Amino acid sequence: MSKEKGFLVVLKSSEQIQHSYNPKYRGLYRTRPFYIEEYEKELNDPYFAGKYTDDHGLIPNLPFAAQVLAELVRMDDHASFEIIYVKDWEGASTLEDSSGFRFLGFDVACYSPFWSIVADSPNPEDPEVRAFLTKLNEYGLFSSGEEAESYREAYLNLYPNKQELILRIWEVYLV
């Protein structure tokens, strides 16, 4: 299995996240929603067009991420967005040099559209879920890959019908 990595242009905040169990969340599940009305007005969402992303929905390099940001700014306020760099975590906390990007934490999410069980967690009234959510850092992410892995395993045990989901552990960095 290859180690996926790349960039995403994401919303700094969204109403959905602000009203979730994890309002501090700064992971992958923050891409801007697609609006058909904008598409009909010929504002072509760069994620929907797919010319900037790979098969998993990641932007392969920073210049392309800057172009995506420029395209999205035509539809929204520039201050609404930030660029993050993400990569698969494969079981070793190496946290290699990522060109000076600021490490935010570890997320547990699918490939595009990057739905995250950290952002969209089960109800924290469940004591097992609450125990994990208390471990989230100031960015609403896990501080270690091992914590994220334990959460993924617990989630899949709690929800055996979700076993078919490909939930990856992602290292998340602010560019």
C-alpha atoms as a PDB file:
ATOM      1  CA  MET A   1       0.000   0.000   0.000  1.00  0.00           C
ATOM      2  CA  SER A   2       1.436   3.354  -0.998  1.00  0.00           C
ATOM      3  CA  LYS A   3       1.781   6.168   1.446  1.00  0.00           C
ATOM      4  CA  GLU A   4      -0.538   8.906   0.196  1.00  0.00           C
ATOM      5  CA  LYS A   5       0.330  12.543   0.755  1.00  0.00           C
ATOM      6  CA  GLY A   6      -0.688  15.886  -0.626  1.00  0.00           C
ATOM      7  CA  PHE A   7      -2.383  19.199  -0.001  1.00  0.00           C
ATOM      8  CA  LEU A   8      -5.951  20.326   0.569  1.00  0.00           C
ATOM      9  CA  VAL A   9      -7.511  23.767   0.535  1.00  0.00           C
ATOM     10  CA  VAL A  10     -10.009  23.687   3.365  1.00  0.00           C
ATOM     11  CA  LEU A  11     -12.377  25.978   5.206  1.00  0.00           C
ATOM     12  CA  LYS A  12     -10.871  27.414   8.383  1.00  0.00           C
ATOM     13  CA  SER A  13     -14.231  26.825   9.998  1.00  0.00           C
ATOM     14  CA  SER A  14     -17.688  25.716   8.970  1.00  0.00           C
ATOM     15  CA  GLU A  15     -21.107  25.861  10.535  1.00  0.00           C
ATOM     16  CA  GLN A  16     -21.236  22.056  10.478  1.00  0.00           C
ATOM     17  CA  ILE A  17     -18.008  21.786  12.500  1.00  0.00           C
ATOM     18  CA  GLN A  18     -18.920  24.642  14.866  1.00  0.00           C
ATOM     19  CA  HIS A  19     -22.117  22.785  15.815  1.00  0.00           C
ATOM     20  CA  SER A  20     -20.487  19.373  16.130  1.00  0.00           C
ATOM     21  CA  TYR A  21     -19.171  17.534  19.184  1.00  0.00           C
ATOM     22  CA  ASN A  22     -15.695  18.706  18.147  1.00  0.00           C
ATOM     23  CA  PRO A  23     -15.868  22.438  17.248  1.00  0.00           C
ATOM     24  CA  LYS A  24     -12.032  22.833  17.418  1.00  0.00           C
ATOM     25  CA  TYR A  25     -11.547  20.281  14.589  1.00  0.00           C
ATOM     26  CA  ARG A  26      -8.859  21.290  12.024  1.00  0.00           C
ATOM     27  CA  GLY A  27      -8.504  18.035  10.050  1.00  0.00           C
ATOM     28  CA  LEU A  28      -9.288  16.910   6.512  1.00  0.00           C
ATOM     29  CA  TYR A  29     -13.099  17.008   6.612  1.00  0.00           C
ATOM     30  CA  ARG A  30     -13.326  20.724   5.840  1.00  0.00           C
ATOM     31  CA  THR A  31     -13.422  20.962   2.063  1.00  0.00           C
ATOM     32  CA  ARG A  32     -15.889  23.523   0.761  1.00  0.00           C
ATOM     33  CA  PRO A  33     -19.304  22.100  -0.182  1.00  0.00           C
ATOM     34  CA  PHE A  34     -20.173  21.914  -3.882  1.00  0.00           C
ATOM     35  CA  TYR A  35     -23.016  24.236  -4.890  1.00  0.00           C
ATOM     36  CA  ILE A  36     -24.919  23.426  -8.080  1.00  0.00           C
ATOM     37  CA  GLU A  37     -26.096  27.051  -8.377  1.00  0.00           C
ATOM     38  CA  GLU A  38     -22.480  28.226  -8.695  1.00  0.00           C
ATOM     39  CA  TYR A  39     -21.733  25.512 -11.231  1.00  0.00           C
ATOM     40  CA  GLU A  40     -24.714  26.629 -13.309  1.00  0.00           C
ATOM     41  CA  LYS A  41     -23.274  30.181 -13.231  1.00  0.00           C
ATOM     42  CA  GLU A  42     -20.045  28.689 -14.682  1.00  0.00           C
ATOM     43  CA  LEU A  43     -18.078  29.003 -11.438  1.00  0.00           C
ATOM     44  CA  ASN A  44     -16.265  25.705 -11.730  1.00  0.00           C
ATOM     45  CA  ASP A  45     -15.273  24.307  -8.345  1.00  0.00           C
ATOM     46  CA  PRO A  46     -11.650  23.140  -8.719  1.00  0.00           C
ATOM     47  CA  TYR A  47     -12.272  20.017  -6.630  1.00  0.00           C
ATOM     48  CA  PHE A  48     -15.261  19.045  -8.717  1.00  0.00           C
ATOM     49  CA  ALA A  49     -13.357  19.617 -11.971  1.00  0.00           C
ATOM     50  CA  GLY A  50     -10.668  17.211 -10.753  1.00  0.00           C
ATOM     51  CA  LYS A  51      -7.841  18.751 -12.755  1.00  0.00           C
ATOM     52  CA  TYR A  52      -5.866  19.559  -9.620  1.00  0.00           C
ATOM     53  CA  THR A  53      -6.374  16.364  -7.626  1.00  0.00           C
ATOM     54  CA  ASP A  54      -5.130  12.795  -7.737  1.00  0.00           C
ATOM     55  CA  ASP A  55      -7.288   9.643  -7.594  1.00  0.00           C
ATOM     56  CA  HIS A  56      -7.753  10.066  -3.830  1.00  0.00           C
ATOM     57  CA  GLY A  57      -8.744  13.743  -3.966  1.00  0.00           C
ATOM     58  CA  LEU A  58      -5.391  15.146  -2.818  1.00  0.00           C
ATOM     59  CA  ILE A  59      -3.591  18.042  -4.502  1.00  0.00           C
ATOM     60  CA  PRO A  60      -0.097  16.744  -5.357  1.00  0.00           C
ATOM     61  CA  ASN A  61       1.923  19.941  -4.875  1.00  0.00           C
ATOM     62  CA  LEU A  62       1.851  23.376  -3.282  1.00  0.00           C
ATOM     63  CA  PRO A  63       1.682  25.396  -6.550  1.00  0.00           C
ATOM     64  CA  PHE A  64      -1.483  23.482  -7.508  1.00  0.00           C
ATOM     65  CA  ALA A  65      -2.874  24.093  -3.996  1.00  0.00           C
ATOM     66  CA  ALA A  66      -2.243  27.826  -4.480  1.00  0.00           C
ATOM     67  CA  GLN A  67      -4.139  27.660  -7.794  1.00  0.00           C
ATOM     68  CA  VAL A  68      -7.055  25.881  -6.099  1.00  0.00           C
ATOM     69  CA  LEU A  69      -7.071  28.577  -3.423  1.00  0.00           C
ATOM     70  CA  ALA A  70      -7.165  31.273  -6.123  1.00  0.00           C
ATOM     71  CA  GLU A  71     -10.107  29.526  -7.825  1.00  0.00           C
ATOM     72  CA  LEU A  72     -12.017  29.153  -4.552  1.00  0.00           C
ATOM     73  CA  VAL A  73     -11.437  32.800  -3.655  1.00  0.00           C
ATOM     74  CA  ARG A  74     -13.496  33.684  -6.736  1.00  0.00           C
ATOM     75  CA  MET A  75     -16.422  31.982  -4.990  1.00  0.00           C
ATOM     76  CA  ASP A  76     -15.730  32.818  -1.346  1.00  0.00           C
ATOM     77  CA  ASP A  77     -13.734  35.115   0.924  1.00  0.00           C
ATOM     78  CA  HIS A  78      -9.964  34.434   0.957  1.00  0.00           C
ATOM     79  CA  ALA A  79      -9.944  34.600   4.764  1.00  0.00           C
ATOM     80  CA  SER A  80     -12.279  31.586   4.836  1.00  0.00           C
ATOM     81  CA  PHE A  81      -9.585  29.164   3.629  1.00  0.00           C
ATOM     82  CA  GLU A  82      -6.290  27.624   4.620  1.00  0.00           C
ATOM     83  CA  ILE A  83      -3.998  25.079   3.003  1.00  0.00           C
ATOM     84  CA  ILE A  84      -3.106  21.901   4.844  1.00  0.00           C
ATOM     85  CA  TYR A  85      -0.595  19.203   4.024  1.00  0.00           C
ATOM     86  CA  VAL A  86      -1.615  15.641   4.883  1.00  0.00           C
ATOM     87  CA  LYS A  87      -0.017  12.237   4.669  1.00  0.00           C
ATOM     88  CA  ASP A  88      -0.785   8.673   5.651  1.00  0.00           C
ATOM     89  CA  TRP A  89       0.559   7.582   8.984  1.00  0.00           C
ATOM     90  CA  GLU A  90       1.777   4.017   8.811  1.00  0.00           C
ATOM     91  CA  GLY A  91       2.339   3.078  12.423  1.00  0.00           C
ATOM     92  CA  ALA A  92       5.531   4.908  13.321  1.00  0.00           C
ATOM     93  CA  SER A  93       5.617   8.350  14.883  1.00  0.00           C
ATOM     94  CA  THR A  94       8.406   9.723  12.762  1.00  0.00           C
ATOM     95  CA  LEU A  95       6.835  13.142  12.133  1.00  0.00           C
ATOM     96  CA  GLU A  96       9.423  13.741   9.448  1.00  0.00           C
ATOM     97  CA  ASP A  97      10.340  17.256   8.417  1.00  0.00           C
ATOM     98  CA  SER A  98       7.446  18.690   6.446  1.00  0.00           C
ATOM     99  CA  SER A  99       9.096  21.822   5.048  1.00  0.00           C
ATOM    100  CA  GLY A 100       8.461  23.829   8.173  1.00  0.00           C
ATOM    101  CA  PHE A 101       4.689  23.264   8.179  1.00  0.00           C
ATOM    102  CA  ARG A 102       3.030  23.393  11.623  1.00  0.00           C
ATOM    103  CA  PHE A 103       1.924  19.985  12.896  1.00  0.00           C
ATOM    104  CA  LEU A 104      -1.754  20.039  13.936  1.00  0.00           C
ATOM    105  CA  GLY A 105      -2.327  16.390  14.843  1.00  0.00           C
ATOM    106  CA  PHE A 106      -3.698  13.078  13.618  1.00  0.00           C
ATOM    107  CA  ASP A 107      -7.082  12.622  11.975  1.00  0.00           C
ATOM    108  CA  VAL A 108      -9.022   9.437  11.117  1.00  0.00           C
ATOM    109  CA  ALA A 109     -10.723   9.949   7.763  1.00  0.00           C
ATOM    110  CA  CYS A 110     -11.616   8.315   4.460  1.00  0.00           C
ATOM    111  CA  TYR A 111     -10.206   9.396   1.123  1.00  0.00           C
ATOM    112  CA  SER A 112     -12.121  12.139  -0.709  1.00  0.00           C
ATOM    113  CA  PRO A 113     -14.512  13.598   0.451  1.00  0.00           C
ATOM    114  CA  PHE A 114     -12.434  13.013   3.595  1.00  0.00           C
ATOM    115  CA  TRP A 115     -15.290  12.210   5.963  1.00  0.00           C
ATOM    116  CA  SER A 116     -13.742  12.011   9.441  1.00  0.00           C
ATOM    117  CA  ILE A 117     -14.843  10.059  12.495  1.00  0.00           C
ATOM    118  CA  VAL A 118     -12.959  12.645  14.563  1.00  0.00           C
ATOM    119  CA  ALA A 119     -15.059  15.525  13.186  1.00  0.00           C
ATOM    120  CA  ASP A 120     -18.279  13.542  12.915  1.00  0.00           C
ATOM    121  CA  SER A 121     -17.849  11.459  16.042  1.00  0.00           C
ATOM    122  CA  PRO A 122     -20.441   9.291  17.698  1.00  0.00           C
ATOM    123  CA  ASN A 123     -22.314  10.836  20.604  1.00  0.00           C
ATOM    124  CA  PRO A 124     -19.860  11.665  23.409  1.00  0.00           C
ATOM    125  CA  GLU A 125     -22.440  10.497  25.961  1.00  0.00           C
ATOM    126  CA  ASP A 126     -21.054   7.011  25.281  1.00  0.00           C
ATOM    127  CA  PRO A 127     -18.292   6.668  27.918  1.00  0.00           C
ATOM    128  CA  GLU A 128     -15.944   4.853  25.513  1.00  0.00           C
ATOM    129  CA  VAL A 129     -16.290   7.613  22.910  1.00  0.00           C
ATOM    130  CA  ARG A 130     -15.948  10.349  25.565  1.00  0.00           C
ATOM    131  CA  ALA A 131     -12.699   8.783  26.792  1.00  0.00           C
ATOM    132  CA  PHE A 132     -11.202   9.247  23.320  1.00  0.00           C
ATOM    133  CA  LEU A 133     -12.608  12.724  22.727  1.00  0.00           C
ATOM    134  CA  THR A 134     -10.973  13.969  25.936  1.00  0.00           C
ATOM    135  CA  LYS A 135      -7.602  13.125  24.343  1.00  0.00           C
ATOM    136  CA  LEU A 136      -8.051  15.591  21.453  1.00  0.00           C
ATOM    137  CA  ASN A 137      -5.557  18.450  21.307  1.00  0.00           C
ATOM    138  CA  GLU A 138      -6.219  22.182  20.832  1.00  0.00           C
ATOM    139  CA  TYR A 139      -6.869  21.539  17.112  1.00  0.00           C
ATOM    140  CA  GLY A 140      -9.484  18.881  17.787  1.00  0.00           C
ATOM    141  CA  LEU A 141      -7.125  16.126  16.572  1.00  0.00           C
ATOM    142  CA  PHE A 142      -5.141  13.382  18.269  1.00  0.00           C
ATOM    143  CA  SER A 143      -1.576  14.181  19.336  1.00  0.00           C
ATOM    144  CA  SER A 144      -0.277  10.716  18.484  1.00  0.00           C
ATOM    145  CA  GLY A 145      -0.880   8.205  15.736  1.00  0.00           C
ATOM    146  CA  GLU A 146      -1.288   5.504  18.368  1.00  0.00           C
ATOM    147  CA  GLU A 147      -4.223   7.384  19.961  1.00  0.00           C
ATOM    148  CA  ALA A 148      -5.817   7.833  16.534  1.00  0.00           C
ATOM    149  CA  GLU A 149      -5.323   4.134  15.760  1.00  0.00           C
ATOM    150  CA  SER A 150      -6.909   3.123  19.090  1.00  0.00           C
ATOM    151  CA  TYR A 151      -9.886   5.369  18.335  1.00  0.00           C
ATOM    152  CA  ARG A 152     -10.290   3.869  14.845  1.00  0.00           C
ATOM    153  CA  GLU A 153     -10.264   0.343  16.300  1.00  0.00           C
ATOM    154  CA  ALA A 154     -12.772   1.269  19.026  1.00  0.00           C
ATOM    155  CA  TYR A 155     -15.041   2.964  16.466  1.00  0.00           C
ATOM    156  CA  LEU A 156     -15.032  -0.086  14.196  1.00  0.00           C
ATOM    157  CA  ASN A 157     -15.771  -2.336  17.205  1.00  0.00           C
ATOM    158  CA  LEU A 158     -18.674  -0.086  18.210  1.00  0.00           C
ATOM    159  CA  TYR A 159     -19.978   0.017  14.629  1.00  0.00           C
ATOM    160  CA  PRO A 160     -19.238  -3.339  12.964  1.00  0.00           C
ATOM    161  CA  ASN A 161     -21.428  -2.325   9.997  1.00  0.00           C
ATOM    162  CA  LYS A 162     -18.750   0.317   9.160  1.00  0.00           C
ATOM    163  CA  GLN A 163     -15.975  -2.249   8.657  1.00  0.00           C
ATOM    164  CA  GLU A 164     -16.053  -1.643   4.880  1.00  0.00           C
ATOM    165  CA  LEU A 165     -14.977   1.989   5.328  1.00  0.00           C
ATOM    166  CA  ILE A 166     -11.362   2.700   4.454  1.00  0.00           C
ATOM    167  CA  LEU A 167     -10.474   4.854   7.442  1.00  0.00           C
ATOM    168  CA  ARG A 168      -6.904   6.129   7.221  1.00  0.00           C
ATOM    169  CA  ILE A 169      -4.807   7.734   9.935  1.00  0.00           C
ATOM    170  CA  TRP A 170      -3.579  11.089   8.582  1.00  0.00           C
ATOM    171  CA  GLU A 171      -0.856  13.408   9.831  1.00  0.00           C
ATOM    172  CA  VAL A 172      -2.165  16.966   9.376  1.00  0.00           C
ATOM    173  CA  TYR A 173       0.007  20.074   8.975  1.00  0.00           C
ATOM    174  CA  LEU A 174      -0.902  23.724   8.456  1.00  0.00           C
ATOM    175  CA  VAL A 175       0.986  25.223   5.500  1.00  0.00           C
END
